[in-house]
Amino acid sequence: MSKEKLLQENKELFWDISDIWKLEDLAIEERFLKYWNWQNILDLQEIFWKKTFKELYLKILDKKRNNLSKKTINFFNLYLDV
């Protein structure tokens, strides 16, 4: 699956963004992690490769403020072996 197709199929997640095509990968991953379902995560890993997915996730965690719940952070810390 391509990033464009994933965004098109899930554009309702980006209801507050006027032009989702200009979003950086970090913003895309953070939004999907906030409102995730398992298939979206697998699609993101396919698009960004697992190593890049993990790097983006770590950048999200390093931000002063992120939009992820403690439960989501705990799950992905375990899943990505962080």
N, C-alpha and C. Protein backbone atom coordinates (compact mmCIF):
# COMPACT_ATOMS: atom_id res chain seq x y z
N MET A 1 0.85 -1.18 0.00
CA MET A 1 0.00 0.00 0.00
C MET A 1 0.89 1.24 0.00
N SER A 2 0.46 2.26 -0.66
CA SER A 2 1.22 3.51 -0.71
C SER A 2 0.74 4.46 0.39
N LYS A 3 1.59 5.41 0.71
CA LYS A 3 1.22 6.40 1.73
C LYS A 3 -0.01 7.19 1.28
N GLU A 4 -0.08 7.53 0.00
CA GLU A 4 -1.20 8.29 -0.52
C GLU A 4 -2.52 7.51 -0.37
N LYS A 5 -2.46 6.23 -0.68
CA LYS A 5 -3.67 5.40 -0.57
C LYS A 5 -4.10 5.28 0.89
N LEU A 6 -3.14 5.10 1.79
CA LEU A 6 -3.46 4.99 3.21
C LEU A 6 -4.10 6.29 3.71
N LEU A 7 -3.56 7.43 3.30
CA LEU A 7 -4.13 8.71 3.70
C LEU A 7 -5.54 8.89 3.11
N GLN A 8 -5.70 8.53 1.86
CA GLN A 8 -7.01 8.65 1.21
C GLN A 8 -8.05 7.79 1.91
N GLU A 9 -7.69 6.58 2.28
CA GLU A 9 -8.63 5.67 2.92
C GLU A 9 -8.94 6.07 4.37
N ASN A 10 -8.09 6.90 4.96
CA ASN A 10 -8.27 7.28 6.36
C ASN A 10 -8.31 8.79 6.54
N LYS A 11 -8.80 9.49 5.55
CA LYS A 11 -8.78 10.96 5.61
C LYS A 11 -9.63 11.51 6.74
N GLU A 12 -10.57 10.72 7.25
CA GLU A 12 -11.38 11.19 8.38
C GLU A 12 -10.54 11.39 9.65
N LEU A 13 -9.39 10.73 9.73
CA LEU A 13 -8.49 10.94 10.87
C LEU A 13 -7.86 12.32 10.84
N PHE A 14 -7.85 12.93 9.68
CA PHE A 14 -7.21 14.22 9.49
C PHE A 14 -8.25 15.31 9.22
N TRP A 15 -9.36 15.23 9.91
CA TRP A 15 -10.48 16.14 9.71
C TRP A 15 -10.10 17.60 9.92
N ASP A 16 -9.08 17.86 10.73
CA ASP A 16 -8.71 19.23 11.06
C ASP A 16 -7.57 19.77 10.20
N ILE A 17 -7.12 19.00 9.22
CA ILE A 17 -6.01 19.38 8.36
C ILE A 17 -6.55 19.65 6.96
N SER A 18 -6.26 20.82 6.42
CA SER A 18 -6.81 21.17 5.11
C SER A 18 -6.12 20.43 3.96
N ASP A 19 -4.81 20.25 4.06
CA ASP A 19 -4.08 19.58 2.99
C ASP A 19 -3.23 18.44 3.56
N ILE A 20 -3.82 17.26 3.65
CA ILE A 20 -3.12 16.13 4.27
C ILE A 20 -1.92 15.66 3.43
N TRP A 21 -1.88 16.04 2.19
CA TRP A 21 -0.80 15.58 1.30
C TRP A 21 0.53 16.26 1.63
N LYS A 22 0.49 17.34 2.39
CA LYS A 22 1.72 18.07 2.74
C LYS A 22 2.26 17.69 4.12
N LEU A 23 1.59 16.77 4.81
CA LEU A 23 2.02 16.38 6.15
C LEU A 23 3.34 15.62 6.11
N GLU A 24 4.14 15.86 7.13
CA GLU A 24 5.39 15.10 7.28
C GLU A 24 5.07 13.72 7.83
N ASP A 25 5.98 12.79 7.60
CA ASP A 25 5.77 11.41 8.05
C ASP A 25 5.56 11.33 9.55
N LEU A 26 6.26 12.15 10.31
CA LEU A 26 6.13 12.15 11.76
C LEU A 26 4.70 12.49 12.18
N ALA A 27 4.11 13.48 11.56
CA ALA A 27 2.73 13.88 11.88
C ALA A 27 1.73 12.79 11.48
N ILE A 28 1.99 12.15 10.35
CA ILE A 28 1.11 11.06 9.90
C ILE A 28 1.16 9.91 10.89
N GLU A 29 2.36 9.50 11.28
CA GLU A 29 2.48 8.37 12.20
C GLU A 29 1.85 8.70 13.55
N GLU A 30 2.08 9.91 14.04
CA GLU A 30 1.51 10.27 15.33
C GLU A 30 -0.02 10.21 15.29
N ARG A 31 -0.62 10.68 14.22
CA ARG A 31 -2.07 10.64 14.11
C ARG A 31 -2.59 9.21 14.06
N PHE A 32 -1.90 8.35 13.30
CA PHE A 32 -2.33 6.96 13.23
C PHE A 32 -2.12 6.25 14.57
N LEU A 33 -1.07 6.60 15.29
CA LEU A 33 -0.86 5.99 16.60
C LEU A 33 -1.93 6.44 17.59
N LYS A 34 -2.38 7.65 17.46
CA LYS A 34 -3.42 8.15 18.37
C LYS A 34 -4.76 7.46 18.12
N TYR A 35 -5.11 7.24 16.87
CA TYR A 35 -6.41 6.67 16.51
C TYR A 35 -6.27 5.32 15.81
N TRP A 36 -5.34 4.53 16.22
CA TRP A 36 -4.92 3.36 15.47
C TRP A 36 -5.90 2.19 15.52
N ASN A 37 -5.79 1.42 14.47
CA ASN A 37 -6.28 0.05 14.47
C ASN A 37 -5.13 -0.79 13.92
N TRP A 38 -5.17 -2.05 14.15
CA TRP A 38 -4.01 -2.89 13.85
C TRP A 38 -3.63 -2.87 12.38
N GLN A 39 -4.60 -2.89 11.50
CA GLN A 39 -4.30 -2.89 10.06
C GLN A 39 -3.59 -1.61 9.66
N ASN A 40 -3.99 -0.48 10.22
CA ASN A 40 -3.29 0.78 9.93
C ASN A 40 -1.82 0.71 10.34
N ILE A 41 -1.56 0.12 11.49
CA ILE A 41 -0.18 0.01 11.97
C ILE A 41 0.63 -0.88 11.03
N LEU A 42 0.06 -1.98 10.61
CA LEU A 42 0.77 -2.86 9.68
C LEU A 42 1.02 -2.15 8.35
N ASP A 43 0.05 -1.39 7.89
CA ASP A 43 0.23 -0.62 6.65
C ASP A 43 1.32 0.43 6.81
N LEU A 44 1.34 1.11 7.94
CA LEU A 44 2.39 2.11 8.19
C LEU A 44 3.77 1.47 8.20
N GLN A 45 3.87 0.31 8.83
CA GLN A 45 5.17 -0.37 8.87
C GLN A 45 5.60 -0.79 7.48
N GLU A 46 4.66 -1.18 6.65
CA GLU A 46 4.98 -1.54 5.27
C GLU A 46 5.47 -0.31 4.50
N ILE A 47 4.83 0.81 4.72
CA ILE A 47 5.19 2.04 4.01
C ILE A 47 6.52 2.60 4.50
N PHE A 48 6.67 2.71 5.82
CA PHE A 48 7.86 3.35 6.40
C PHE A 48 8.97 2.36 6.74
N TRP A 49 8.74 1.09 6.58
CA TRP A 49 9.65 0.04 7.01
C TRP A 49 9.70 0.05 8.54
N LYS A 50 9.89 -1.07 9.11
CA LYS A 50 9.81 -1.17 10.57
C LYS A 50 10.86 -0.32 11.26
N LYS A 51 12.07 -0.25 10.71
CA LYS A 51 13.13 0.54 11.34
C LYS A 51 12.75 2.02 11.36
N THR A 52 12.28 2.54 10.24
CA THR A 52 11.88 3.94 10.16
C THR A 52 10.67 4.19 11.04
N PHE A 53 9.74 3.25 11.08
CA PHE A 53 8.56 3.36 11.94
C PHE A 53 9.00 3.54 13.39
N LYS A 54 9.96 2.74 13.81
CA LYS A 54 10.46 2.83 15.19
C LYS A 54 11.17 4.16 15.42
N GLU A 55 11.96 4.62 14.45
CA GLU A 55 12.65 5.91 14.59
C GLU A 55 11.64 7.05 14.72
N LEU A 56 10.60 7.03 13.90
CA LEU A 56 9.56 8.06 13.99
C LEU A 56 8.85 7.99 15.33
N TYR A 57 8.57 6.78 15.79
CA TYR A 57 7.92 6.61 17.09
C TYR A 57 8.78 7.20 18.21
N LEU A 58 10.07 6.96 18.17
CA LEU A 58 10.97 7.50 19.20
C LEU A 58 11.01 9.03 19.14
N LYS A 59 10.94 9.60 17.95
CA LYS A 59 10.88 11.06 17.82
C LYS A 59 9.59 11.60 18.43
N ILE A 60 8.50 10.88 18.24
CA ILE A 60 7.23 11.30 18.83
C ILE A 60 7.36 11.30 20.35
N LEU A 61 7.98 10.26 20.90
CA LEU A 61 8.15 10.18 22.35
C LEU A 61 9.07 11.28 22.88
N ASP A 62 10.05 11.68 22.09
CA ASP A 62 11.01 12.70 22.52
C ASP A 62 10.43 14.11 22.50
N LYS A 63 9.30 14.28 21.82
CA LYS A 63 8.69 15.61 21.78
C LYS A 63 8.25 16.01 23.19
N LYS A 64 8.32 17.29 23.45
CA LYS A 64 7.92 17.80 24.76
C LYS A 64 6.49 17.40 25.09
N ARG A 65 5.65 17.37 24.08
CA ARG A 65 4.26 17.01 24.26
C ARG A 65 3.81 16.17 23.07
N ASN A 66 3.17 15.04 23.34
CA ASN A 66 2.62 14.23 22.26
C ASN A 66 1.16 13.92 22.56
N ASN A 67 0.48 13.37 21.61
CA ASN A 67 -0.95 13.11 21.75
C ASN A 67 -1.27 11.64 22.03
N LEU A 68 -0.31 10.88 22.50
CA LEU A 68 -0.53 9.46 22.71
C LEU A 68 -0.92 9.17 24.15
N SER A 69 -1.84 8.24 24.32
CA SER A 69 -2.24 7.85 25.67
C SER A 69 -1.14 6.98 26.30
N LYS A 70 -1.18 6.88 27.61
CA LYS A 70 -0.20 6.04 28.31
C LYS A 70 -0.33 4.58 27.88
N LYS A 71 -1.55 4.15 27.64
CA LYS A 71 -1.80 2.77 27.20
C LYS A 71 -1.17 2.53 25.82
N THR A 72 -1.34 3.48 24.90
CA THR A 72 -0.75 3.35 23.57
C THR A 72 0.77 3.35 23.65
N ILE A 73 1.32 4.24 24.45
CA ILE A 73 2.78 4.29 24.62
C ILE A 73 3.30 2.98 25.19
N ASN A 74 2.63 2.46 26.19
CA ASN A 74 3.06 1.20 26.79
C ASN A 74 3.02 0.06 25.77
N PHE A 75 1.93 -0.02 25.01
CA PHE A 75 1.81 -1.07 24.01
C PHE A 75 2.94 -1.01 22.99
N PHE A 76 3.18 0.18 22.42
CA PHE A 76 4.20 0.29 21.38
C PHE A 76 5.62 0.20 21.94
N ASN A 77 5.82 0.58 23.19
CA ASN A 77 7.13 0.34 23.81
C ASN A 77 7.41 -1.16 23.87
N LEU A 78 6.43 -1.93 24.24
CA LEU A 78 6.59 -3.38 24.28
C LEU A 78 6.72 -3.97 22.88
N TYR A 79 5.87 -3.52 21.97
CA TYR A 79 5.85 -4.06 20.61
C TYR A 79 7.16 -3.75 19.86
N LEU A 80 7.67 -2.55 20.06
CA LEU A 80 8.89 -2.15 19.33
C LEU A 80 10.16 -2.40 20.15
N ASP A 81 9.98 -2.97 21.34
CA ASP A 81 11.12 -3.29 22.20
C ASP A 81 11.94 -2.03 22.53
N VAL A 82 11.24 -1.03 23.02
CA VAL A 82 11.88 0.25 23.37
C VAL A 82 12.18 0.26 24.84
